[in-house]
Protein backbone atom coordinates (compact mmCIF):
# COMPACT_ATOMS: atom_id res chain seq x y z
CA UNK A 1 89.26 82.54 85.61
CA UNK A 2 92.71 83.23 84.23
CA UNK A 3 93.69 86.48 85.92
CA UNK A 4 97.12 86.81 87.53
CA UNK A 5 97.18 86.86 91.35
CA UNK A 6 100.05 88.65 93.11
CA UNK A 7 100.96 87.23 96.52
CA UNK A 8 103.04 89.43 98.83
CA UNK A 9 105.13 87.67 101.49
CA UNK A 10 107.54 89.57 103.75
CA UNK A 11 110.19 87.42 105.43
CA UNK A 12 112.45 87.91 108.42
CA UNK A 13 114.26 84.97 110.04
CA UNK A 14 111.58 82.63 108.74
CA UNK A 15 113.75 79.60 107.98
CA UNK A 16 111.68 77.27 110.19
CA UNK A 17 108.39 77.97 108.38
CA UNK A 18 108.85 79.57 104.96
CA UNK A 19 109.16 76.36 102.92
CA UNK A 20 105.82 75.10 104.26
CA UNK A 21 104.19 78.46 103.54
CA UNK A 22 105.41 78.40 99.93
CA UNK A 23 104.25 74.81 99.52
CA UNK A 24 100.74 75.86 100.52
CA UNK A 25 100.81 78.34 97.62
CA UNK A 26 102.17 75.80 95.17
CA UNK A 27 99.36 73.41 96.11
CA UNK A 28 96.63 75.90 95.21
CA UNK A 29 93.90 74.69 92.85
CA UNK A 30 94.32 78.05 91.07
CA UNK A 31 97.79 78.19 89.56
CA UNK A 32 98.10 81.53 87.75
CA UNK A 33 99.95 83.44 90.46
CA UNK A 34 103.20 85.21 91.21
CA UNK A 35 104.66 85.09 94.71
CA UNK A 36 106.77 88.09 95.66
CA UNK A 37 109.06 87.36 98.62
CA UNK A 38 110.69 90.40 100.22
CA UNK A 39 113.35 89.60 102.80
CA UNK A 40 113.93 92.17 105.55
CA UNK A 41 117.62 91.34 106.06
CA UNK A 42 117.23 87.95 107.71
CA UNK A 43 120.21 86.65 109.72
CA UNK A 44 119.27 82.96 109.57
CA UNK A 45 119.07 80.58 106.59
CA UNK A 46 115.93 82.19 105.09
CA UNK A 47 117.72 83.61 102.05
CA UNK A 48 119.44 80.32 101.19
CA UNK A 49 116.15 78.41 101.45
CA UNK A 50 114.35 80.90 99.22
CA UNK A 51 117.05 80.98 96.56
CA UNK A 52 116.93 77.18 96.32
CA UNK A 53 113.14 77.19 95.98
CA UNK A 54 112.93 79.88 93.29
CA UNK A 55 115.32 77.94 91.05
CA UNK A 56 112.57 75.34 90.70
CA UNK A 57 109.57 77.68 90.32
CA UNK A 58 109.80 80.75 88.11
CA UNK A 59 106.55 82.15 89.52
CA UNK A 60 108.39 82.95 92.77
CA UNK A 61 110.40 86.17 92.97
CA UNK A 62 112.92 87.12 95.66
CA UNK A 63 113.95 90.61 96.72
CA UNK A 64 116.10 91.65 99.66
CA UNK A 65 115.93 95.03 101.37
CA UNK A 66 119.18 96.95 101.85
CA UNK A 67 118.51 97.33 105.56
CA UNK A 68 116.08 95.99 108.14
CA UNK A 69 113.04 98.23 107.67
CA UNK A 70 110.01 96.43 109.12
CA UNK A 71 106.99 94.67 107.58
CA UNK A 72 105.35 97.80 106.15
CA UNK A 73 108.34 98.59 103.93
CA UNK A 74 108.68 94.93 102.92
CA UNK A 75 105.00 94.63 101.98
CA UNK A 76 105.00 97.96 100.17
CA UNK A 77 108.00 96.82 98.14
CA UNK A 78 106.00 93.77 97.13
CA UNK A 79 102.94 95.84 96.28
CA UNK A 80 105.05 98.12 94.08
CA UNK A 81 106.42 95.15 92.13
CA UNK A 82 103.09 93.29 91.84
CA UNK A 83 101.74 92.84 88.31
CA UNK A 84 98.56 90.90 89.07
CA UNK A 85 94.90 91.69 88.62
CA UNK A 86 94.37 90.55 92.20
CA UNK A 87 96.49 91.27 95.27
CA UNK A 88 96.73 89.17 98.41
CA UNK A 89 99.11 88.69 101.33
CA UNK A 90 100.58 85.69 103.10
CA UNK A 91 103.02 86.01 105.98
CA UNK A 92 106.04 83.71 106.05
CA UNK A 93 104.72 81.42 108.78
CA UNK A 94 101.06 81.07 107.73
CA UNK A 95 99.37 78.50 105.49
CA UNK A 96 96.60 78.58 102.90
CA UNK A 97 94.21 75.74 102.26
CA UNK A 98 94.37 74.54 98.61
CA UNK A 99 91.25 76.33 97.38
CA UNK A 100 91.94 79.72 99.01
CA UNK A 101 92.71 81.62 95.79
CA UNK A 102 89.99 79.92 93.76
CA UNK A 103 87.37 80.56 96.47
CA UNK A 104 88.39 84.22 96.84
CA UNK A 105 88.18 84.94 93.11
CA UNK A 106 84.85 83.16 92.77
CA UNK A 107 83.47 85.19 95.67
CA UNK A 108 84.56 88.47 94.07
CA UNK A 109 82.97 87.47 90.77
CA UNK A 110 79.72 86.25 92.33
CA UNK A 111 79.24 89.09 94.83
CA UNK A 112 80.73 91.85 92.66
CA UNK A 113 82.55 93.04 95.78
CA UNK A 114 86.18 93.86 95.14
CA UNK A 115 87.53 93.26 98.66
CA UNK A 116 86.99 89.87 100.30
CA UNK A 117 88.56 88.09 103.27
CA UNK A 118 88.15 84.73 104.97
CA UNK A 119 87.88 82.96 108.30
CA UNK A 120 90.88 80.95 109.46
CA UNK A 121 92.08 78.35 111.93
CA UNK A 122 94.52 79.30 114.67
CA UNK A 123 97.45 77.12 115.71
CA UNK A 124 100.68 77.25 117.67
CA UNK A 125 104.09 76.89 116.02
CA UNK A 126 103.59 73.12 115.75
CA UNK A 127 100.24 73.49 113.94
CA UNK A 128 98.29 72.39 117.00
CA UNK A 129 94.95 74.18 117.12
CA UNK A 130 95.09 75.96 120.46
CA UNK A 131 92.17 78.33 119.82
CA UNK A 132 88.81 77.94 118.17
CA UNK A 133 88.50 78.97 114.51
CA UNK A 134 88.25 82.72 113.94
CA UNK A 135 85.02 83.20 112.03
CA UNK A 136 84.84 86.56 110.32
CA UNK A 137 81.71 88.72 109.94
CA UNK A 138 79.89 88.60 106.59
CA UNK A 139 80.43 92.33 106.08
CA UNK A 140 82.77 94.90 107.64
CA UNK A 141 82.78 98.66 107.15
CA UNK A 142 85.32 101.36 107.89
CA UNK A 143 83.95 101.91 111.40
CA UNK A 144 83.80 98.15 112.05
CA UNK A 145 87.54 97.86 111.41
CA UNK A 146 88.26 100.79 113.71
CA UNK A 147 86.52 98.83 116.47
CA UNK A 148 88.16 95.49 115.69
CA UNK A 149 90.37 94.50 112.79
CA UNK A 150 88.75 91.24 111.69
CA UNK A 151 90.59 91.26 108.34
CA UNK A 152 93.80 89.29 108.69
CA UNK A 153 96.73 89.72 106.30
CA UNK A 154 96.69 86.02 105.47
CA UNK A 155 93.19 86.10 103.91
CA UNK A 156 92.71 89.64 102.55
CA UNK A 157 92.08 89.50 98.79
CA UNK A 158 91.72 92.60 96.60
CA UNK A 159 90.63 93.20 93.01
CA UNK A 160 93.30 95.70 91.99
CA UNK A 161 91.77 96.21 88.54
CA UNK A 162 88.85 97.89 90.29
CA UNK A 163 90.39 99.29 93.47
CA UNK A 164 93.87 100.23 92.29
CA UNK A 165 97.07 99.95 94.31
CA UNK A 166 97.42 101.55 97.71
CA UNK A 167 100.29 101.26 100.17
CA UNK A 168 100.57 100.55 103.88
CA UNK A 169 101.37 103.39 106.28
CA UNK A 170 105.00 103.27 107.44
CA UNK A 171 104.31 102.39 111.05
CA UNK A 172 105.65 99.61 113.28
CA UNK A 173 102.31 97.93 113.91
CA UNK A 174 98.78 98.07 112.45
CA UNK A 175 100.07 98.79 108.95
CA UNK A 176 97.67 96.20 107.50
CA UNK A 177 94.75 97.82 109.28
CA UNK A 178 95.83 101.14 107.81
CA UNK A 179 95.67 99.67 104.30
CA UNK A 180 92.22 98.13 104.77
CA UNK A 181 90.86 101.44 106.04
CA UNK A 182 92.15 103.27 102.97
CA UNK A 183 90.04 100.98 100.78
CA UNK A 184 87.04 101.03 103.10
CA UNK A 185 86.91 104.81 102.91
CA UNK A 186 86.05 104.36 99.22
CA UNK A 187 83.82 101.25 99.20
CA UNK A 188 80.78 100.43 101.37
CA UNK A 189 82.17 97.24 102.91
CA UNK A 190 84.41 94.19 102.50
CA UNK A 191 82.84 90.74 102.23
CA UNK A 192 83.72 87.97 104.69
CA UNK A 193 83.92 84.31 103.66
CA UNK A 194 82.91 82.43 106.80
CA UNK A 195 84.46 79.11 105.84
CA UNK A 196 88.04 78.82 107.16
CA UNK A 197 90.51 79.10 104.27
CA UNK A 198 93.86 79.31 106.06
CA UNK A 199 95.90 78.62 109.20
CA UNK A 200 97.25 81.50 111.25
CA UNK A 201 100.29 80.33 113.19
CA UNK A 202 100.62 82.10 116.55
CA UNK A 203 104.31 82.30 117.43
CA UNK A 204 105.68 82.92 120.90
CA UNK A 205 107.70 85.93 119.78
CA UNK A 206 105.02 87.38 117.50
CA UNK A 207 104.71 91.17 117.58
CA UNK A 208 100.93 90.83 117.64
CA UNK A 209 101.07 88.76 120.85
CA UNK A 210 103.14 91.22 122.91
CA UNK A 211 100.48 93.12 124.83
CA UNK A 212 102.65 95.41 126.95
CA UNK A 213 102.92 98.20 124.38
CA UNK A 214 100.04 97.30 122.06
CA UNK A 215 97.63 99.83 123.58
CA UNK A 216 100.15 102.61 122.95
CA UNK A 217 100.46 101.65 119.27
CA UNK A 218 96.70 101.41 118.85
CA UNK A 219 96.19 104.84 120.37
CA UNK A 220 98.87 106.34 118.12
CA UNK A 221 97.19 104.72 115.14
CA UNK A 222 93.86 106.38 115.90
CA UNK A 223 95.39 109.77 116.58
CA UNK A 224 98.27 109.99 114.09
CA UNK A 225 97.27 107.76 111.18
CA UNK A 226 93.48 108.10 111.10
CA UNK A 227 93.53 111.60 112.65
CA UNK A 228 90.64 110.88 115.01
CA UNK A 229 89.85 113.34 117.77
CA UNK A 230 90.23 112.47 121.45
CA UNK A 231 86.61 111.40 121.95
CA UNK A 232 86.57 109.23 118.83
CA UNK A 233 89.88 107.62 119.78
CA UNK A 234 88.64 106.75 123.26
CA UNK A 235 85.40 105.33 121.83
CA UNK A 236 87.14 103.05 119.35
CA UNK A 237 89.87 102.10 121.85
CA UNK A 238 87.27 100.73 124.27
CA UNK A 239 85.73 98.65 121.50
CA UNK A 240 89.16 97.45 120.37
CA UNK A 241 90.13 96.34 123.90
CA UNK A 242 86.89 94.44 124.36
CA UNK A 243 87.09 92.65 121.02
CA UNK A 244 90.77 91.89 121.56
CA UNK A 245 89.95 90.14 124.83
CA UNK A 246 87.11 88.18 123.25
CA UNK A 247 89.26 87.12 120.28
CA UNK A 248 91.71 85.16 122.42
CA UNK A 249 89.57 84.00 125.29
CA UNK A 250 89.32 80.45 123.86
């Protein structure tokens, strides 16, 4: 295994976490990677921290958007600049275990499935494990993801040589789900690695944890992005609400 892996990391006011996230990449057992950091006009010390880090590691690239544009634009900028045979994502507050890349590539080679993803541990901002591990299904299809997005950005791993590059829809939320569905329209399923390979840090101000307007965004996603009819949207919304409740019940 000597293929280049492109890692896309959007950043926005991530000064408290980004150095630890980058360290988890640098500690990977698989070392042929490029890390593409795209800053969405941070107002804290994120940029200064990143510029100091990249001086010591030429595999890390830094780009800054001209204006605050949201995670979809930041990730798409990274995808556009990626040169790797494989593409993966890591948000600026999450952490990979050391064998994440190696395990993902081996799984693609052994299963001959070009889209894999992994289970992960869930912690608070202080890396205290406040929920049980999220164990992913062994296989997910297009309709499975419409019911519940079990593919997290921090463990999705794609063979771009086979699948080609696609870009996230320019929406405020669910842009990652939109990308997975584009691929799953063309392949039978994605393969889930059930062993936890990462830590998902749940922050108090995380967009994904604000429930007040999440239903509205999910409904808009079904209707406007996936172009589902009213009946289909209601069907998948009920599944999504149920699985969302179950995901964070313990």
